[in-house]
Every structure is written in C-alpha cells, then in structure tokens.
PDB file of all heavy atoms in Angstrom:
ATOM      1  N   SER A   1     -21.472 -11.227  -3.383  1.00  0.00           N
ATOM      2  CA  SER A   1     -22.483 -10.197  -3.556  1.00  0.00           C
ATOM      3  C   SER A   1     -23.650 -10.406  -2.577  1.00  0.00           C
ATOM      4  O   SER A   1     -23.925 -11.539  -2.127  1.00  0.00           O
ATOM      5  CB  SER A   1     -23.063 -10.246  -4.987  1.00  0.00           C
ATOM      6  OG  SER A   1     -23.865 -11.408  -5.131  1.00  0.00           O
ATOM      7  N   THR A   2     -24.268  -9.319  -2.173  1.00  0.00           N
ATOM      8  CA  THR A   2     -25.395  -9.381  -1.233  1.00  0.00           C
ATOM      9  C   THR A   2     -26.495 -10.225  -1.842  1.00  0.00           C
ATOM     10  O   THR A   2     -27.154 -10.994  -1.117  1.00  0.00           O
ATOM     11  CB  THR A   2     -25.918  -7.972  -0.965  1.00  0.00           C
ATOM     12  OG1 THR A   2     -24.841  -7.187  -0.445  1.00  0.00           O
ATOM     13  CG2 THR A   2     -27.062  -7.987   0.040  1.00  0.00           C
ATOM     14  N   GLU A   3     -26.707 -10.187  -3.166  1.00  0.00           N
ATOM     15  CA  GLU A   3     -27.719 -10.952  -3.802  1.00  0.00           C
ATOM     16  C   GLU A   3     -27.498 -12.460  -3.638  1.00  0.00           C
ATOM     17  O   GLU A   3     -28.408 -13.206  -3.318  1.00  0.00           O
ATOM     18  CB  GLU A   3     -27.829 -10.603  -5.285  1.00  0.00           C
ATOM     19  CG  GLU A   3     -28.891 -11.379  -6.027  1.00  0.00           C
ATOM     20  CD  GLU A   3     -28.930 -11.071  -7.504  1.00  0.00           C
ATOM     21  OE1 GLU A   3     -28.407 -10.030  -7.949  1.00  0.00           O
ATOM     22  OE2 GLU A   3     -29.488 -11.890  -8.259  1.00  0.00           O
ATOM     23  N   THR A   4     -26.243 -12.899  -3.826  1.00  0.00           N
ATOM     24  CA  THR A   4     -25.894 -14.316  -3.686  1.00  0.00           C
ATOM     25  C   THR A   4     -26.133 -14.767  -2.232  1.00  0.00           C
ATOM     26  O   THR A   4     -26.677 -15.853  -2.013  1.00  0.00           O
ATOM     27  CB  THR A   4     -24.475 -14.572  -4.154  1.00  0.00           C
ATOM     28  OG1 THR A   4     -24.393 -14.274  -5.513  1.00  0.00           O
ATOM     29  CG2 THR A   4     -24.049 -16.038  -3.911  1.00  0.00           C
ATOM     30  N   VAL A   5     -25.656 -13.944  -1.275  1.00  0.00           N
ATOM     31  CA  VAL A   5     -25.827 -14.303   0.114  1.00  0.00           C
ATOM     32  C   VAL A   5     -27.333 -14.417   0.456  1.00  0.00           C
ATOM     33  O   VAL A   5     -27.731 -15.381   1.116  1.00  0.00           O
ATOM     34  CB  VAL A   5     -25.125 -13.283   1.010  1.00  0.00           C
ATOM     35  CG1 VAL A   5     -25.461 -13.504   2.522  1.00  0.00           C
ATOM     36  CG2 VAL A   5     -23.604 -13.351   0.797  1.00  0.00           C
ATOM     37  N   THR A   6     -28.124 -13.493  -0.006  1.00  0.00           N
ATOM     38  CA  THR A   6     -29.535 -13.468   0.297  1.00  0.00           C
ATOM     39  C   THR A   6     -30.184 -14.721  -0.334  1.00  0.00           C
ATOM     40  O   THR A   6     -31.022 -15.403   0.304  1.00  0.00           O
ATOM     41  CB  THR A   6     -30.225 -12.233  -0.255  1.00  0.00           C
ATOM     42  OG1 THR A   6     -29.613 -11.062   0.425  1.00  0.00           O
ATOM     43  CG2 THR A   6     -31.728 -12.226   0.017  1.00  0.00           C
ATOM     44  N   ARG A   7     -29.871 -15.043  -1.581  1.00  0.00           N
ATOM     45  CA  ARG A   7     -30.422 -16.213  -2.240  1.00  0.00           C
ATOM     46  C   ARG A   7     -30.102 -17.488  -1.496  1.00  0.00           C
ATOM     47  O   ARG A   7     -30.962 -18.368  -1.280  1.00  0.00           O
ATOM     48  CB  ARG A   7     -29.907 -16.373  -3.671  1.00  0.00           C
ATOM     49  CG  ARG A   7     -30.641 -15.523  -4.646  1.00  0.00           C
ATOM     50  CD  ARG A   7     -30.222 -15.861  -6.041  1.00  0.00           C
ATOM     51  NE  ARG A   7     -30.791 -14.864  -6.927  1.00  0.00           N
ATOM     52  CZ  ARG A   7     -31.046 -15.099  -8.181  1.00  0.00           C
ATOM     53  NH1 ARG A   7     -30.708 -16.229  -8.730  1.00  0.00           N
ATOM     54  NH2 ARG A   7     -31.597 -14.169  -8.916  1.00  0.00           N
ATOM     55  N   LEU A   8     -28.845 -17.642  -1.047  1.00  0.00           N
ATOM     56  CA  LEU A   8     -28.465 -18.793  -0.318  1.00  0.00           C
ATOM     57  C   LEU A   8     -29.112 -18.898   1.054  1.00  0.00           C
ATOM     58  O   LEU A   8     -29.571 -19.964   1.466  1.00  0.00           O
ATOM     59  CB  LEU A   8     -26.943 -18.874  -0.146  1.00  0.00           C
ATOM     60  CG  LEU A   8     -26.175 -19.250  -1.409  1.00  0.00           C
ATOM     61  CD1 LEU A   8     -24.683 -18.978  -1.273  1.00  0.00           C
ATOM     62  CD2 LEU A   8     -26.418 -20.727  -1.779  1.00  0.00           C
ATOM     63  N   ARG A   9     -29.188 -17.805   1.742  1.00  0.00           N
ATOM     64  CA  ARG A   9     -29.883 -17.764   3.059  1.00  0.00           C
ATOM     65  C   ARG A   9     -31.324 -18.212   2.893  1.00  0.00           C
ATOM     66  O   ARG A   9     -31.852 -19.021   3.671  1.00  0.00           O
ATOM     67  CB  ARG A   9     -29.801 -16.418   3.712  1.00  0.00           C
ATOM     68  CG  ARG A   9     -28.495 -16.097   4.374  1.00  0.00           C
ATOM     69  CD  ARG A   9     -28.579 -14.741   5.088  1.00  0.00           C
ATOM     70  NE  ARG A   9     -27.440 -14.493   5.898  1.00  0.00           N
ATOM     71  CZ  ARG A   9     -27.285 -14.851   7.142  1.00  0.00           C
ATOM     72  NH1 ARG A   9     -28.234 -15.565   7.752  1.00  0.00           N
ATOM     73  NH2 ARG A   9     -26.194 -14.597   7.818  1.00  0.00           N
ATOM     74  N   ASP A  10     -31.995 -17.632   1.909  1.00  0.00           N
ATOM     75  CA  ASP A  10     -33.412 -18.029   1.643  1.00  0.00           C
ATOM     76  C   ASP A  10     -33.540 -19.510   1.267  1.00  0.00           C
ATOM     77  O   ASP A  10     -34.460 -20.185   1.691  1.00  0.00           O
ATOM     78  CB  ASP A  10     -33.999 -17.143   0.525  1.00  0.00           C
ATOM     79  CG  ASP A  10     -34.187 -15.685   0.972  1.00  0.00           C
ATOM     80  OD1 ASP A  10     -34.071 -15.414   2.175  1.00  0.00           O
ATOM     81  OD2 ASP A  10     -34.386 -14.827   0.049  1.00  0.00           O
ATOM     82  N   TYR A  11     -32.631 -19.954   0.397  1.00  0.00           N
ATOM     83  CA  TYR A  11     -32.660 -21.341  -0.052  1.00  0.00           C
ATOM     84  C   TYR A  11     -32.563 -22.309   1.160  1.00  0.00           C
ATOM     85  O   TYR A  11     -33.416 -23.202   1.303  1.00  0.00           O
ATOM     86  CB  TYR A  11     -31.485 -21.587  -1.018  1.00  0.00           C
ATOM     87  CG  TYR A  11     -31.211 -23.047  -1.324  1.00  0.00           C
ATOM     88  CD1 TYR A  11     -31.977 -23.739  -2.256  1.00  0.00           C
ATOM     89  CD2 TYR A  11     -30.196 -23.769  -0.710  1.00  0.00           C
ATOM     90  CE1 TYR A  11     -31.770 -25.073  -2.528  1.00  0.00           C
ATOM     91  CE2 TYR A  11     -29.937 -25.069  -0.989  1.00  0.00           C
ATOM     92  CZ  TYR A  11     -30.720 -25.722  -1.907  1.00  0.00           C
ATOM     93  OH  TYR A  11     -30.473 -27.056  -2.180  1.00  0.00           O
ATOM     94  N   PHE A  12     -31.575 -22.065   2.016  1.00  0.00           N
ATOM     95  CA  PHE A  12     -31.399 -22.953   3.171  1.00  0.00           C
ATOM     96  C   PHE A  12     -32.573 -22.800   4.178  1.00  0.00           C
ATOM     97  O   PHE A  12     -33.012 -23.807   4.758  1.00  0.00           O
ATOM     98  CB  PHE A  12     -30.046 -22.711   3.854  1.00  0.00           C
ATOM     99  CG  PHE A  12     -28.898 -23.209   3.039  1.00  0.00           C
ATOM    100  CD1 PHE A  12     -27.921 -22.347   2.547  1.00  0.00           C
ATOM    101  CD2 PHE A  12     -28.758 -24.552   2.767  1.00  0.00           C
ATOM    102  CE1 PHE A  12     -26.846 -22.818   1.821  1.00  0.00           C
ATOM    103  CE2 PHE A  12     -27.642 -25.058   2.025  1.00  0.00           C
ATOM    104  CZ  PHE A  12     -26.726 -24.211   1.566  1.00  0.00           C
ATOM    105  N   ALA A  13     -33.027 -21.591   4.375  1.00  0.00           N
ATOM    106  CA  ALA A  13     -34.156 -21.378   5.299  1.00  0.00           C
ATOM    107  C   ALA A  13     -35.383 -22.131   4.833  1.00  0.00           C
ATOM    108  O   ALA A  13     -36.100 -22.701   5.651  1.00  0.00           O
ATOM    109  CB  ALA A  13     -34.434 -19.885   5.432  1.00  0.00           C
ATOM    110  N   ASN A  14     -35.628 -22.134   3.526  1.00  0.00           N
ATOM    111  CA  ASN A  14     -36.764 -22.844   2.964  1.00  0.00           C
ATOM    112  C   ASN A  14     -36.669 -24.350   3.155  1.00  0.00           C
ATOM    113  O   ASN A  14     -37.705 -25.013   3.106  1.00  0.00           O
ATOM    114  CB  ASN A  14     -36.992 -22.499   1.517  1.00  0.00           C
ATOM    115  CG  ASN A  14     -37.510 -21.108   1.281  1.00  0.00           C
ATOM    116  OD1 ASN A  14     -38.222 -20.580   2.176  1.00  0.00           O
ATOM    117  ND2 ASN A  14     -37.202 -20.499   0.160  1.00  0.00           N
ATOM    118  N   LEU A  15     -35.484 -24.824   3.383  1.00  0.00           N
ATOM    119  CA  LEU A  15     -35.243 -26.275   3.609  1.00  0.00           C
ATOM    120  C   LEU A  15     -35.133 -26.593   5.124  1.00  0.00           C
ATOM    121  O   LEU A  15     -34.827 -27.731   5.496  1.00  0.00           O
ATOM    122  CB  LEU A  15     -34.022 -26.744   2.876  1.00  0.00           C
ATOM    123  CG  LEU A  15     -34.167 -26.685   1.341  1.00  0.00           C
ATOM    124  CD1 LEU A  15     -32.844 -26.938   0.665  1.00  0.00           C
ATOM    125  CD2 LEU A  15     -35.231 -27.698   0.870  1.00  0.00           C
ATOM    126  N   GLY A  16     -35.380 -25.598   5.983  1.00  0.00           N
ATOM    127  CA  GLY A  16     -35.408 -25.864   7.427  1.00  0.00           C
ATOM    128  C   GLY A  16     -34.110 -25.643   8.159  1.00  0.00           C
ATOM    129  O   GLY A  16     -33.972 -25.998   9.319  1.00  0.00           O
ATOM    130  N   ILE A  17     -33.139 -24.925   7.549  1.00  0.00           N
ATOM    131  CA  ILE A  17     -31.886 -24.662   8.172  1.00  0.00           C
ATOM    132  C   ILE A  17     -31.866 -23.250   8.784  1.00  0.00           C
ATOM    133  O   ILE A  17     -32.265 -22.304   8.146  1.00  0.00           O
ATOM    134  CB  ILE A  17     -30.702 -24.747   7.159  1.00  0.00           C
ATOM    135  CG1 ILE A  17     -30.691 -26.113   6.487  1.00  0.00           C
ATOM    136  CG2 ILE A  17     -29.372 -24.383   7.800  1.00  0.00           C
ATOM    137  CD1 ILE A  17     -30.244 -27.230   7.346  1.00  0.00           C
ATOM    138  N   GLU A  18     -31.406 -23.133  10.034  1.00  0.00           N
ATOM    139  CA  GLU A  18     -31.217 -21.850  10.663  1.00  0.00           C
ATOM    140  C   GLU A  18     -29.732 -21.535  10.794  1.00  0.00           C
ATOM    141  O   GLU A  18     -28.930 -22.439  11.133  1.00  0.00           O
ATOM    142  CB  GLU A  18     -31.803 -21.888  12.097  1.00  0.00           C
ATOM    143  CG  GLU A  18     -33.308 -21.890  12.175  1.00  0.00           C
ATOM    144  CD  GLU A  18     -33.772 -21.841  13.615  1.00  0.00           C
ATOM    145  OE1 GLU A  18     -33.006 -22.195  14.528  1.00  0.00           O
ATOM    146  OE2 GLU A  18     -34.942 -21.470  13.789  1.00  0.00           O
ATOM    147  N   PHE A  19     -29.384 -20.290  10.521  1.00  0.00           N
ATOM    148  CA  PHE A  19     -28.014 -19.837  10.679  1.00  0.00           C
ATOM    149  C   PHE A  19     -27.907 -19.216  12.072  1.00  0.00           C
ATOM    150  O   PHE A  19     -28.756 -18.502  12.506  1.00  0.00           O
ATOM    151  CB  PHE A  19     -27.611 -18.858   9.607  1.00  0.00           C
ATOM    152  CG  PHE A  19     -27.455 -19.459   8.258  1.00  0.00           C
ATOM    153  CD1 PHE A  19     -28.464 -19.407   7.364  1.00  0.00           C
ATOM    154  CD2 PHE A  19     -26.275 -20.139   7.950  1.00  0.00           C
ATOM    155  CE1 PHE A  19     -28.350 -20.016   6.087  1.00  0.00           C
ATOM    156  CE2 PHE A  19     -26.154 -20.740   6.721  1.00  0.00           C
ATOM    157  CZ  PHE A  19     -27.189 -20.650   5.781  1.00  0.00           C
ATOM    158  N   LEU A  20     -26.780 -19.509  12.749  1.00  0.00           N
ATOM    159  CA  LEU A  20     -26.524 -19.043  14.070  1.00  0.00           C
ATOM    160  C   LEU A  20     -25.274 -18.101  14.090  1.00  0.00           C
ATOM    161  O   LEU A  20     -24.418 -18.241  13.245  1.00  0.00           O
ATOM    162  CB  LEU A  20     -26.281 -20.210  15.013  1.00  0.00           C
ATOM    163  CG  LEU A  20     -27.347 -21.306  15.024  1.00  0.00           C
ATOM    164  CD1 LEU A  20     -26.850 -22.520  15.753  1.00  0.00           C
ATOM    165  CD2 LEU A  20     -28.647 -20.772  15.597  1.00  0.00           C
ATOM    166  N   GLY A  21     -25.227 -17.271  15.087  1.00  0.00           N
ATOM    167  CA  GLY A  21     -24.060 -16.410  15.292  1.00  0.00           C
ATOM    168  C   GLY A  21     -24.450 -15.017  15.474  1.00  0.00           C
ATOM    169  O   GLY A  21     -25.550 -14.581  15.204  1.00  0.00           O
ATOM    170  N   TRP A  22     -23.471 -14.242  15.947  1.00  0.00           N
ATOM    171  CA  TRP A  22     -23.681 -12.824  16.167  1.00  0.00           C
ATOM    172  C   TRP A  22     -22.341 -12.113  15.995  1.00  0.00           C
ATOM    173  O   TRP A  22     -21.267 -12.752  16.052  1.00  0.00           O
ATOM    174  CB  TRP A  22     -24.258 -12.519  17.531  1.00  0.00           C
ATOM    175  CG  TRP A  22     -23.531 -13.111  18.685  1.00  0.00           C
ATOM    176  CD1 TRP A  22     -23.714 -14.363  19.237  1.00  0.00           C
ATOM    177  CD2 TRP A  22     -22.423 -12.562  19.409  1.00  0.00           C
ATOM    178  NE1 TRP A  22     -22.803 -14.589  20.255  1.00  0.00           N
ATOM    179  CE2 TRP A  22     -22.009 -13.486  20.352  1.00  0.00           C
ATOM    180  CE3 TRP A  22     -21.743 -11.341  19.300  1.00  0.00           C
ATOM    181  CZ2 TRP A  22     -20.942 -13.247  21.217  1.00  0.00           C
ATOM    182  CZ3 TRP A  22     -20.691 -11.101  20.185  1.00  0.00           C
ATOM    183  CH2 TRP A  22     -20.323 -12.053  21.144  1.00  0.00           C
ATOM    184  N   GLY A  23     -22.403 -10.826  15.721  1.00  0.00           N
ATOM    185  CA  GLY A  23     -21.155 -10.143  15.533  1.00  0.00           C
ATOM    186  C   GLY A  23     -21.295  -8.674  15.207  1.00  0.00           C
ATOM    187  O   GLY A  23     -22.376  -8.102  15.366  1.00  0.00           O
ATOM    188  N   ASP A  24     -20.240  -8.135  14.694  1.00  0.00           N
ATOM    189  CA  ASP A  24     -20.186  -6.717  14.382  1.00  0.00           C
ATOM    190  C   ASP A  24     -20.078  -6.550  12.880  1.00  0.00           C
ATOM    191  O   ASP A  24     -19.107  -6.972  12.239  1.00  0.00           O
ATOM    192  CB  ASP A  24     -18.951  -6.136  15.052  1.00  0.00           C
ATOM    193  CG  ASP A  24     -18.729  -4.646  14.763  1.00  0.00           C
ATOM    194  OD1 ASP A  24     -19.739  -3.955  14.518  1.00  0.00           O
ATOM    195  OD2 ASP A  24     -17.597  -4.216  14.737  1.00  0.00           O
ATOM    196  N   LEU A  25     -21.093  -5.933  12.286  1.00  0.00           N
ATOM    197  CA  LEU A  25     -21.109  -5.714  10.823  1.00  0.00           C
ATOM    198  C   LEU A  25     -19.941  -4.820  10.401  1.00  0.00           C
ATOM    199  O   LEU A  25     -19.361  -5.048   9.345  1.00  0.00           O
ATOM    200  CB  LEU A  25     -22.433  -5.083  10.381  1.00  0.00           C
ATOM    201  CG  LEU A  25     -23.662  -5.949  10.436  1.00  0.00           C
ATOM    202  CD1 LEU A  25     -24.901  -5.143  10.139  1.00  0.00           C
ATOM    203  CD2 LEU A  25     -23.548  -7.131   9.518  1.00  0.00           C
ATOM    204  N   GLY A  26     -19.623  -3.848  11.210  1.00  0.00           N
ATOM    205  CA  GLY A  26     -18.531  -2.878  10.868  1.00  0.00           C
ATOM    206  C   GLY A  26     -17.184  -3.571  10.697  1.00  0.00           C
ATOM    207  O   GLY A  26     -16.477  -3.381   9.754  1.00  0.00           O
ATOM    208  N   SER A  27     -16.828  -4.423  11.675  1.00  0.00           N
ATOM    209  CA  SER A  27     -15.563  -5.091  11.625  1.00  0.00           C
ATOM    210  C   SER A  27     -15.619  -6.455  10.907  1.00  0.00           C
ATOM    211  O   SER A  27     -14.603  -7.085  10.700  1.00  0.00           O
ATOM    212  CB  SER A  27     -15.008  -5.333  13.047  1.00  0.00           C
ATOM    213  OG  SER A  27     -15.844  -6.281  13.725  1.00  0.00           O
ATOM    214  N   ARG A  28     -16.842  -6.877  10.607  1.00  0.00           N
ATOM    215  CA  ARG A  28     -17.082  -8.193   9.961  1.00  0.00           C
ATOM    216  C   ARG A  28     -16.425  -9.294  10.794  1.00  0.00           C
ATOM    217  O   ARG A  28     -15.751 -10.152  10.241  1.00  0.00           O
ATOM    218  CB  ARG A  28     -16.620  -8.216   8.537  1.00  0.00           C
ATOM    219  CG  ARG A  28     -17.447  -7.260   7.651  1.00  0.00           C
ATOM    220  CD  ARG A  28     -17.164  -7.384   6.194  1.00  0.00           C
ATOM    221  NE  ARG A  28     -17.487  -8.748   5.806  1.00  0.00           N
ATOM    222  CZ  ARG A  28     -16.905  -9.311   4.775  1.00  0.00           C
ATOM    223  NH1 ARG A  28     -15.985  -8.715   4.062  1.00  0.00           N
ATOM    224  NH2 ARG A  28     -17.250 -10.574   4.477  1.00  0.00           N
ATOM    225  N   THR A  29     -16.656  -9.273  12.073  1.00  0.00           N
ATOM    226  CA  THR A  29     -16.203 -10.328  13.005  1.00  0.00           C
ATOM    227  C   THR A  29     -17.440 -10.957  13.636  1.00  0.00           C
ATOM    228  O   THR A  29     -18.179 -10.281  14.333  1.00  0.00           O
ATOM    229  CB  THR A  29     -15.277  -9.751  14.078  1.00  0.00           C
ATOM    230  OG1 THR A  29     -14.223  -9.055  13.442  1.00  0.00           O
ATOM    231  CG2 THR A  29     -14.737 -10.833  14.958  1.00  0.00           C
ATOM    232  N   TYR A  30     -17.609 -12.251  13.405  1.00  0.00           N
ATOM    233  CA  TYR A  30     -18.786 -12.985  13.885  1.00  0.00           C
ATOM    234  C   TYR A  30     -18.337 -14.114  14.765  1.00  0.00           C
ATOM    235  O   TYR A  30     -17.410 -14.853  14.450  1.00  0.00           O
ATOM    236  CB  TYR A  30     -19.637 -13.490  12.713  1.00  0.00           C
ATOM    237  CG  TYR A  30     -20.149 -12.430  11.845  1.00  0.00           C
ATOM    238  CD1 TYR A  30     -19.443 -11.959  10.757  1.00  0.00           C
ATOM    239  CD2 TYR A  30     -21.371 -11.804  12.157  1.00  0.00           C
ATOM    240  CE1 TYR A  30     -19.925 -10.905   9.942  1.00  0.00           C
ATOM    241  CE2 TYR A  30     -21.855 -10.777  11.351  1.00  0.00           C
ATOM    242  CZ  TYR A  30     -21.131 -10.342  10.271  1.00  0.00           C
ATOM    243  OH  TYR A  30     -21.593  -9.322   9.513  1.00  0.00           O
ATOM    244  N   PHE A  31     -19.049 -14.361  15.884  1.00  0.00           N
ATOM    245  CA  PHE A  31     -18.790 -15.426  16.806  1.00  0.00           C
ATOM    246  C   PHE A  31     -19.993 -16.361  16.852  1.00  0.00           C
ATOM    247  O   PHE A  31     -21.121 -15.935  16.630  1.00  0.00           O
ATOM    248  CB  PHE A  31     -18.514 -14.854  18.226  1.00  0.00           C
ATOM    249  CG  PHE A  31     -17.284 -13.995  18.297  1.00  0.00           C
ATOM    250  CD1 PHE A  31     -17.375 -12.621  18.242  1.00  0.00           C
ATOM    251  CD2 PHE A  31     -16.051 -14.603  18.471  1.00  0.00           C
ATOM    252  CE1 PHE A  31     -16.226 -11.824  18.274  1.00  0.00           C
ATOM    253  CE2 PHE A  31     -14.913 -13.814  18.511  1.00  0.00           C
ATOM    254  CZ  PHE A  31     -15.029 -12.434  18.431  1.00  0.00           C
ATOM    255  N   GLY A  32     -19.751 -17.607  17.238  1.00  0.00           N
ATOM    256  CA  GLY A  32     -20.817 -18.580  17.366  1.00  0.00           C
ATOM    257  C   GLY A  32     -21.498 -18.948  16.082  1.00  0.00           C
ATOM    258  O   GLY A  32     -22.629 -19.398  16.053  1.00  0.00           O
ATOM    259  N   VAL A  33     -20.750 -18.821  14.999  1.00  0.00           N
ATOM    260  CA  VAL A  33     -21.274 -19.109  13.630  1.00  0.00           C
ATOM    261  C   VAL A  33     -21.519 -20.614  13.502  1.00  0.00           C
ATOM    262  O   VAL A  33     -20.684 -21.426  13.902  1.00  0.00           O
ATOM    263  CB  VAL A  33     -20.354 -18.574  12.534  1.00  0.00           C
ATOM    264  CG1 VAL A  33     -20.834 -18.999  11.171  1.00  0.00           C
ATOM    265  CG2 VAL A  33     -20.243 -17.074  12.597  1.00  0.00           C
ATOM    266  N   GLY A  34     -22.680 -20.971  13.027  1.00  0.00           N
ATOM    267  CA  GLY A  34     -23.001 -22.388  12.855  1.00  0.00           C
ATOM    268  C   GLY A  34     -24.394 -22.539  12.192  1.00  0.00           C
ATOM    269  O   GLY A  34     -24.995 -21.576  11.762  1.00  0.00           O
ATOM    270  N   VAL A  35     -24.877 -23.782  12.205  1.00  0.00           N
ATOM    271  CA  VAL A  35     -26.164 -24.055  11.621  1.00  0.00           C
ATOM    272  C   VAL A  35     -26.882 -25.100  12.494  1.00  0.00           C
ATOM    273  O   VAL A  35     -26.254 -25.848  13.247  1.00  0.00           O
ATOM    274  CB  VAL A  35     -26.102 -24.618  10.189  1.00  0.00           C
ATOM    275  CG1 VAL A  35     -25.553 -23.578   9.231  1.00  0.00           C
ATOM    276  CG2 VAL A  35     -25.198 -25.867  10.119  1.00  0.00           C
ATOM    277  N   ARG A  36     -28.199 -25.143  12.379  1.00  0.00           N
ATOM    278  CA  ARG A  36     -28.992 -26.193  13.030  1.00  0.00           C
ATOM    279  C   ARG A  36     -30.314 -26.347  12.242  1.00  0.00           C
ATOM    280  O   ARG A  36     -30.683 -25.459  11.469  1.00  0.00           O
ATOM    281  CB  ARG A  36     -29.277 -25.862  14.488  1.00  0.00           C
ATOM    282  CG  ARG A  36     -30.242 -24.755  14.705  1.00  0.00           C
ATOM    283  CD  ARG A  36     -30.561 -24.579  16.140  1.00  0.00           C
ATOM    284  NE  ARG A  36     -31.423 -23.395  16.352  1.00  0.00           N
ATOM    285  CZ  ARG A  36     -31.667 -22.915  17.515  1.00  0.00           C
ATOM    286  NH1 ARG A  36     -31.200 -23.420  18.600  1.00  0.00           N
ATOM    287  NH2 ARG A  36     -32.463 -21.835  17.581  1.00  0.00           N
ATOM    288  N   TRP A  37     -30.961 -27.490  12.477  1.00  0.00           N
ATOM    289  CA  TRP A  37     -32.252 -27.635  11.907  1.00  0.00           C
ATOM    290  C   TRP A  37     -33.239 -26.765  12.715  1.00  0.00           C
ATOM    291  O   TRP A  37     -33.114 -26.696  13.944  1.00  0.00           O
ATOM    292  CB  TRP A  37     -32.719 -29.121  12.011  1.00  0.00           C
ATOM    293  CG  TRP A  37     -31.977 -30.035  11.101  1.00  0.00           C
ATOM    294  CD1 TRP A  37     -30.984 -30.924  11.391  1.00  0.00           C
ATOM    295  CD2 TRP A  37     -32.186 -30.134   9.674  1.00  0.00           C
ATOM    296  NE1 TRP A  37     -30.563 -31.578  10.290  1.00  0.00           N
ATOM    297  CE2 TRP A  37     -31.269 -31.088   9.210  1.00  0.00           C
ATOM    298  CE3 TRP A  37     -33.004 -29.479   8.773  1.00  0.00           C
ATOM    299  CZ2 TRP A  37     -31.188 -31.429   7.889  1.00  0.00           C
ATOM    300  CZ3 TRP A  37     -32.952 -29.810   7.401  1.00  0.00           C
ATOM    301  CH2 TRP A  37     -32.026 -30.808   6.985  1.00  0.00           C
ATOM    302  N   ARG A  38     -34.173 -26.147  12.017  1.00  0.00           N
ATOM    303  CA  ARG A  38     -35.165 -25.341  12.669  1.00  0.00           C
ATOM    304  C   ARG A  38     -35.914 -26.210  13.665  1.00  0.00           C
ATOM    305  O   ARG A  38     -36.265 -27.342  13.395  1.00  0.00           O
ATOM    306  CB  ARG A  38     -36.127 -24.742  11.621  1.00  0.00           C
ATOM    307  CG  ARG A  38     -37.155 -23.795  12.209  1.00  0.00           C
ATOM    308  CD  ARG A  38     -37.954 -23.076  11.126  1.00  0.00           C
ATOM    309  NE  ARG A  38     -38.429 -23.973  10.088  1.00  0.00           N
ATOM    310  CZ  ARG A  38     -38.168 -23.785   8.800  1.00  0.00           C
ATOM    311  NH1 ARG A  38     -37.429 -22.811   8.396  1.00  0.00           N
ATOM    312  NH2 ARG A  38     -38.633 -24.631   7.897  1.00  0.00           N
TER     313      ARG A  38
END
C-alpha cells in the first residue's frame, strides 16, 4: 500500500537514510536503487 511505503520512507528518512534510484513509474522499472547515509 502507498500508506505503508510512505510510512517506511518517512521512518528511514527521519533516521538519516536516503533512498537512491530513478526510473519509470508507468513501467515500474527503477535503476540505481540503493541507500546511503544522508
């Protein structure tokens, strides 16, 4: 669910984690997906 994804993104962001990657929402294909410390 979008709600779960949003909660998790916010949770990790509040702890200093950045999500990386880019892609196409239509095809749901993302490249360069990863994480790093802010």
